[in-house]
Amino acid sequence: MRAYQAVKDQKSGELIVKSDRELRRSELLYKDEKLGLFIALPISATEIITEGKVLAHCVAGYADRHCEGKLTIGFIRKIEQPNVPHYTIEISNTGKIVQCHGYHNEVERFGGKPKPQEIIKFEEEYAQYLEAVFDAREKEKKH
C-alpha cells in the first residue's frame, strides 16, 4: 500500500500529496524543544519549489517524487520561525535520511555556511526516531 498518492488539484493543476493514511505521514513529524527545531512536511510541489528557491538548492527536482510517495521531503524549521526555510531533509521510504542541506548546500564559496551543530544533533536524533518508527511499522506488518 502506498503511503501517498499524487493528485492534481482541480483548480490549479498543481501536484499535491494525497495521503492514503494520514497516520503514516504524521509519524514522520518530529520536534525538539531544547534545540528549537521541528520537521514540517510539505503537501504540495509549490512548497518544495519555494523551499529550493529560498535556500538556493535543488530540492525542487524532488517535488514530483515526494508527491508520488517515492520519497519524503521534510523541512527543518526553527520553532520561533515556523514559516522560514532553514534546512531541507530527504527521507527514503525505508526511513533513512538520504541528505540534509541548508543554504547553497553549505558550499561556502556560494555563500553557504557549515552545518551548525544543532542541525547535526537534530539530524542524528531524527534518524534514531525514524529507525524506531520504521521498526514499529515492520512489527505491525508481521501481525
C-alpha atoms as a PDB file:
ATOM      1  CA  MET A   1       0.000   0.000   0.000  1.00  0.00           C
ATOM      2  CA  ARG A   2       1.453   3.346  -0.987  1.00  0.00           C
ATOM      3  CA  ALA A   3       1.565   5.937   1.759  1.00  0.00           C
ATOM      4  CA  TYR A   4       0.932   8.796  -0.638  1.00  0.00           C
ATOM      5  CA  GLN A   5      -0.768   9.281  -3.940  1.00  0.00           C
ATOM      6  CA  ALA A   6      -0.012  12.163  -6.271  1.00  0.00           C
ATOM      7  CA  VAL A   7      -3.090  14.001  -7.465  1.00  0.00           C
ATOM      8  CA  LYS A   8      -3.620  17.204  -9.382  1.00  0.00           C
ATOM      9  CA  ASP A   9      -5.606  19.987  -7.803  1.00  0.00           C
ATOM     10  CA  GLN A  10      -8.790  20.579  -9.797  1.00  0.00           C
ATOM     11  CA  LYS A  11      -8.387  24.374  -9.962  1.00  0.00           C
ATOM     12  CA  SER A  12      -4.646  24.945 -10.278  1.00  0.00           C
ATOM     13  CA  GLY A  13      -3.478  21.678 -11.775  1.00  0.00           C
ATOM     14  CA  GLU A  14      -0.750  21.636  -9.107  1.00  0.00           C
ATOM     15  CA  LEU A  15       0.656  18.340  -7.962  1.00  0.00           C
ATOM     16  CA  ILE A  16      -0.239  17.780  -4.308  1.00  0.00           C
ATOM     17  CA  VAL A  17       0.057  14.951  -1.832  1.00  0.00           C
ATOM     18  CA  LYS A  18      -3.000  12.899  -1.058  1.00  0.00           C
ATOM     19  CA  SER A  19      -2.401  10.733   1.933  1.00  0.00           C
ATOM     20  CA  ASP A  20      -3.895   7.257   1.877  1.00  0.00           C
ATOM     21  CA  ARG A  21      -3.235   7.031   5.588  1.00  0.00           C
ATOM     22  CA  GLU A  22      -2.668  10.355   7.330  1.00  0.00           C
ATOM     23  CA  LEU A  23      -1.251   8.464  10.294  1.00  0.00           C
ATOM     24  CA  ARG A  24       1.718   7.305   8.209  1.00  0.00           C
ATOM     25  CA  ARG A  25       2.501  10.880   7.265  1.00  0.00           C
ATOM     26  CA  SER A  26       2.111  12.224  10.797  1.00  0.00           C
ATOM     27  CA  GLU A  27       4.547   9.606  12.091  1.00  0.00           C
ATOM     28  CA  LEU A  28       7.327  11.480  10.282  1.00  0.00           C
ATOM     29  CA  LEU A  29       6.740  14.680  12.232  1.00  0.00           C
ATOM     30  CA  TYR A  30       9.292  15.413  14.938  1.00  0.00           C
ATOM     31  CA  LYS A  31      10.091  18.251  17.332  1.00  0.00           C
ATOM     32  CA  ASP A  32      12.956  19.004  19.720  1.00  0.00           C
ATOM     33  CA  GLU A  33      12.037  21.817  22.099  1.00  0.00           C
ATOM     34  CA  LYS A  34      15.576  22.063  23.506  1.00  0.00           C
ATOM     35  CA  LEU A  35      17.131  22.607  20.088  1.00  0.00           C
ATOM     36  CA  GLY A  36      14.174  24.723  18.998  1.00  0.00           C
ATOM     37  CA  LEU A  37      13.664  22.739  15.795  1.00  0.00           C
ATOM     38  CA  PHE A  38      10.924  20.679  14.193  1.00  0.00           C
ATOM     39  CA  ILE A  39      10.097  18.806  10.985  1.00  0.00           C
ATOM     40  CA  ALA A  40       7.324  20.149   8.769  1.00  0.00           C
ATOM     41  CA  LEU A  41       6.055  18.163   5.790  1.00  0.00           C
ATOM     42  CA  PRO A  42       5.079  19.879   2.560  1.00  0.00           C
ATOM     43  CA  ILE A  43       1.770  18.995   0.972  1.00  0.00           C
ATOM     44  CA  SER A  44       2.382  20.482  -2.458  1.00  0.00           C
ATOM     45  CA  ALA A  45       5.030  20.714  -5.112  1.00  0.00           C
ATOM     46  CA  THR A  46       4.883  24.506  -4.853  1.00  0.00           C
ATOM     47  CA  GLU A  47       6.006  24.408  -1.217  1.00  0.00           C
ATOM     48  CA  ILE A  48       9.015  22.301  -2.188  1.00  0.00           C
ATOM     49  CA  ILE A  49       9.888  24.557  -5.124  1.00  0.00           C
ATOM     50  CA  THR A  50       9.708  27.621  -2.868  1.00  0.00           C
ATOM     51  CA  GLU A  51      11.981  25.903  -0.330  1.00  0.00           C
ATOM     52  CA  GLY A  52      14.559  25.286  -3.044  1.00  0.00           C
ATOM     53  CA  LYS A  53      14.419  28.893  -4.254  1.00  0.00           C
ATOM     54  CA  VAL A  54      14.829  30.364  -0.772  1.00  0.00           C
ATOM     55  CA  LEU A  55      17.646  28.009   0.213  1.00  0.00           C
ATOM     56  CA  ALA A  56      19.238  28.052  -3.263  1.00  0.00           C
ATOM     57  CA  HIS A  57      19.471  24.288  -3.586  1.00  0.00           C
ATOM     58  CA  CYS A  58      17.964  21.648  -5.874  1.00  0.00           C
ATOM     59  CA  VAL A  59      15.090  20.244  -3.778  1.00  0.00           C
ATOM     60  CA  ALA A  60      12.593  21.400  -6.424  1.00  0.00           C
ATOM     61  CA  GLY A  61      13.785  18.485  -8.546  1.00  0.00           C
ATOM     62  CA  TYR A  62      12.401  16.137  -5.893  1.00  0.00           C
ATOM     63  CA  ALA A  63       8.900  17.652  -5.732  1.00  0.00           C
ATOM     64  CA  ASP A  64       7.172  15.168  -8.035  1.00  0.00           C
ATOM     65  CA  ARG A  65       8.776  12.172  -6.326  1.00  0.00           C
ATOM     66  CA  HIS A  66       7.671  13.495  -2.922  1.00  0.00           C
ATOM     67  CA  CYS A  67       4.106  13.980  -4.162  1.00  0.00           C
ATOM     68  CA  GLU A  68       4.113  10.500  -5.727  1.00  0.00           C
ATOM     69  CA  GLY A  69       5.280   8.940  -2.448  1.00  0.00           C
ATOM     70  CA  LYS A  70       8.623   7.729  -3.793  1.00  0.00           C
ATOM     71  CA  LEU A  71      10.448   9.658  -1.054  1.00  0.00           C
ATOM     72  CA  THR A  72       9.626  12.234   1.594  1.00  0.00           C
ATOM     73  CA  ILE A  73      10.909  15.772   1.741  1.00  0.00           C
ATOM     74  CA  GLY A  74      10.861  17.397   5.148  1.00  0.00           C
ATOM     75  CA  PHE A  75      11.525  20.967   6.162  1.00  0.00           C
ATOM     76  CA  ILE A  76      13.588  21.594   9.280  1.00  0.00           C
ATOM     77  CA  ARG A  77      12.228  24.760  10.838  1.00  0.00           C
ATOM     78  CA  LYS A  78      13.047  26.822  13.888  1.00  0.00           C
ATOM     79  CA  ILE A  79      10.154  26.747  16.344  1.00  0.00           C
ATOM     80  CA  GLU A  80      10.224  30.546  16.641  1.00  0.00           C
ATOM     81  CA  GLN A  81      10.228  30.946  12.821  1.00  0.00           C
ATOM     82  CA  PRO A  82       7.952  28.133  11.586  1.00  0.00           C
ATOM     83  CA  ASN A  83       7.435  29.536   8.101  1.00  0.00           C
ATOM     84  CA  VAL A  84      11.056  30.420   7.312  1.00  0.00           C
ATOM     85  CA  PRO A  85      13.070  27.804   5.376  1.00  0.00           C
ATOM     86  CA  HIS A  86      16.090  26.672   7.376  1.00  0.00           C
ATOM     87  CA  TYR A  87      17.204  23.185   6.273  1.00  0.00           C
ATOM     88  CA  THR A  88      15.689  20.562   3.976  1.00  0.00           C
ATOM     89  CA  ILE A  89      15.836  16.832   4.565  1.00  0.00           C
ATOM     90  CA  GLU A  90      15.182  13.872   2.265  1.00  0.00           C
ATOM     91  CA  ILE A  91      13.871  10.665   3.824  1.00  0.00           C
ATOM     92  CA  SER A  92      13.746   7.378   1.948  1.00  0.00           C
ATOM     93  CA  ASN A  93      10.713   5.107   2.098  1.00  0.00           C
ATOM     94  CA  THR A  94      12.758   2.828   4.337  1.00  0.00           C
ATOM     95  CA  GLY A  95      13.110   5.603   6.926  1.00  0.00           C
ATOM     96  CA  LYS A  96      16.700   6.578   6.243  1.00  0.00           C
ATOM     97  CA  ILE A  97      17.900  10.156   5.959  1.00  0.00           C
ATOM     98  CA  VAL A  98      19.386  10.461   2.484  1.00  0.00           C
ATOM     99  CA  GLN A  99      20.506  14.081   2.683  1.00  0.00           C
ATOM    100  CA  CYS A 100      20.065  17.237   4.724  1.00  0.00           C
ATOM    101  CA  HIS A 101      21.043  20.650   3.382  1.00  0.00           C
ATOM    102  CA  GLY A 102      20.705  24.338   4.116  1.00  0.00           C
ATOM    103  CA  TYR A 103      21.521  27.426   2.114  1.00  0.00           C
ATOM    104  CA  HIS A 104      23.541  26.570  -1.012  1.00  0.00           C
ATOM    105  CA  ASN A 105      24.078  23.035   0.358  1.00  0.00           C
ATOM    106  CA  GLU A 106      26.572  24.539   2.839  1.00  0.00           C
ATOM    107  CA  VAL A 107      29.017  25.261  -0.006  1.00  0.00           C
ATOM    108  CA  GLU A 108      30.959  28.213   1.405  1.00  0.00           C
ATOM    109  CA  ARG A 109      32.132  29.595  -1.925  1.00  0.00           C
ATOM    110  CA  PHE A 110      28.464  30.132  -2.865  1.00  0.00           C
ATOM    111  CA  GLY A 111      27.539  31.814   0.422  1.00  0.00           C
ATOM    112  CA  GLY A 112      26.633  28.710   2.394  1.00  0.00           C
ATOM    113  CA  LYS A 113      27.918  28.139   5.895  1.00  0.00           C
ATOM    114  CA  PRO A 114      28.977  24.872   7.527  1.00  0.00           C
ATOM    115  CA  LYS A 115      26.114  22.865   9.000  1.00  0.00           C
ATOM    116  CA  PRO A 116      25.571  24.104  12.583  1.00  0.00           C
ATOM    117  CA  GLN A 117      25.984  21.666  15.468  1.00  0.00           C
ATOM    118  CA  GLU A 118      22.293  21.947  16.405  1.00  0.00           C
ATOM    119  CA  ILE A 119      21.310  20.745  12.919  1.00  0.00           C
ATOM    120  CA  ILE A 120      23.797  17.864  13.112  1.00  0.00           C
ATOM    121  CA  LYS A 121      22.427  16.880  16.536  1.00  0.00           C
ATOM    122  CA  PHE A 122      18.819  17.249  15.362  1.00  0.00           C
ATOM    123  CA  GLU A 123      19.546  15.121  12.293  1.00  0.00           C
ATOM    124  CA  GLU A 124      21.086  12.388  14.486  1.00  0.00           C
ATOM    125  CA  GLU A 125      18.099  12.430  16.865  1.00  0.00           C
ATOM    126  CA  TYR A 126      15.657  12.350  13.968  1.00  0.00           C
ATOM    127  CA  ALA A 127      17.486   9.380  12.412  1.00  0.00           C
ATOM    128  CA  GLN A 128      17.068   7.462  15.683  1.00  0.00           C
ATOM    129  CA  TYR A 129      13.402   8.462  15.841  1.00  0.00           C
ATOM    130  CA  LEU A 130      12.822   7.310  12.257  1.00  0.00           C
ATOM    131  CA  GLU A 131      14.510   3.985  12.981  1.00  0.00           C
ATOM    132  CA  ALA A 132      12.085   3.393  15.860  1.00  0.00           C
ATOM    133  CA  VAL A 133       9.074   4.394  13.723  1.00  0.00           C
ATOM    134  CA  PHE A 134      10.052   2.121  10.842  1.00  0.00           C
ATOM    135  CA  ASP A 135      10.906  -0.766  13.175  1.00  0.00           C
ATOM    136  CA  ALA A 136       7.416  -0.413  14.666  1.00  0.00           C
ATOM    137  CA  ARG A 137       5.915  -0.401  11.150  1.00  0.00           C
ATOM    138  CA  GLU A 138       7.723  -3.659  10.355  1.00  0.00           C
ATOM    139  CA  LYS A 139       6.438  -5.270  13.542  1.00  0.00           C
ATOM    140  CA  GLU A 140       2.911  -4.078  12.684  1.00  0.00           C
ATOM    141  CA  LYS A 141       3.148  -5.670   9.231  1.00  0.00           C
ATOM    142  CA  LYS A 142       4.080  -9.024  10.775  1.00  0.00           C
ATOM    143  CA  HIS A 143       0.979  -9.063  12.964  1.00  0.00           C
END
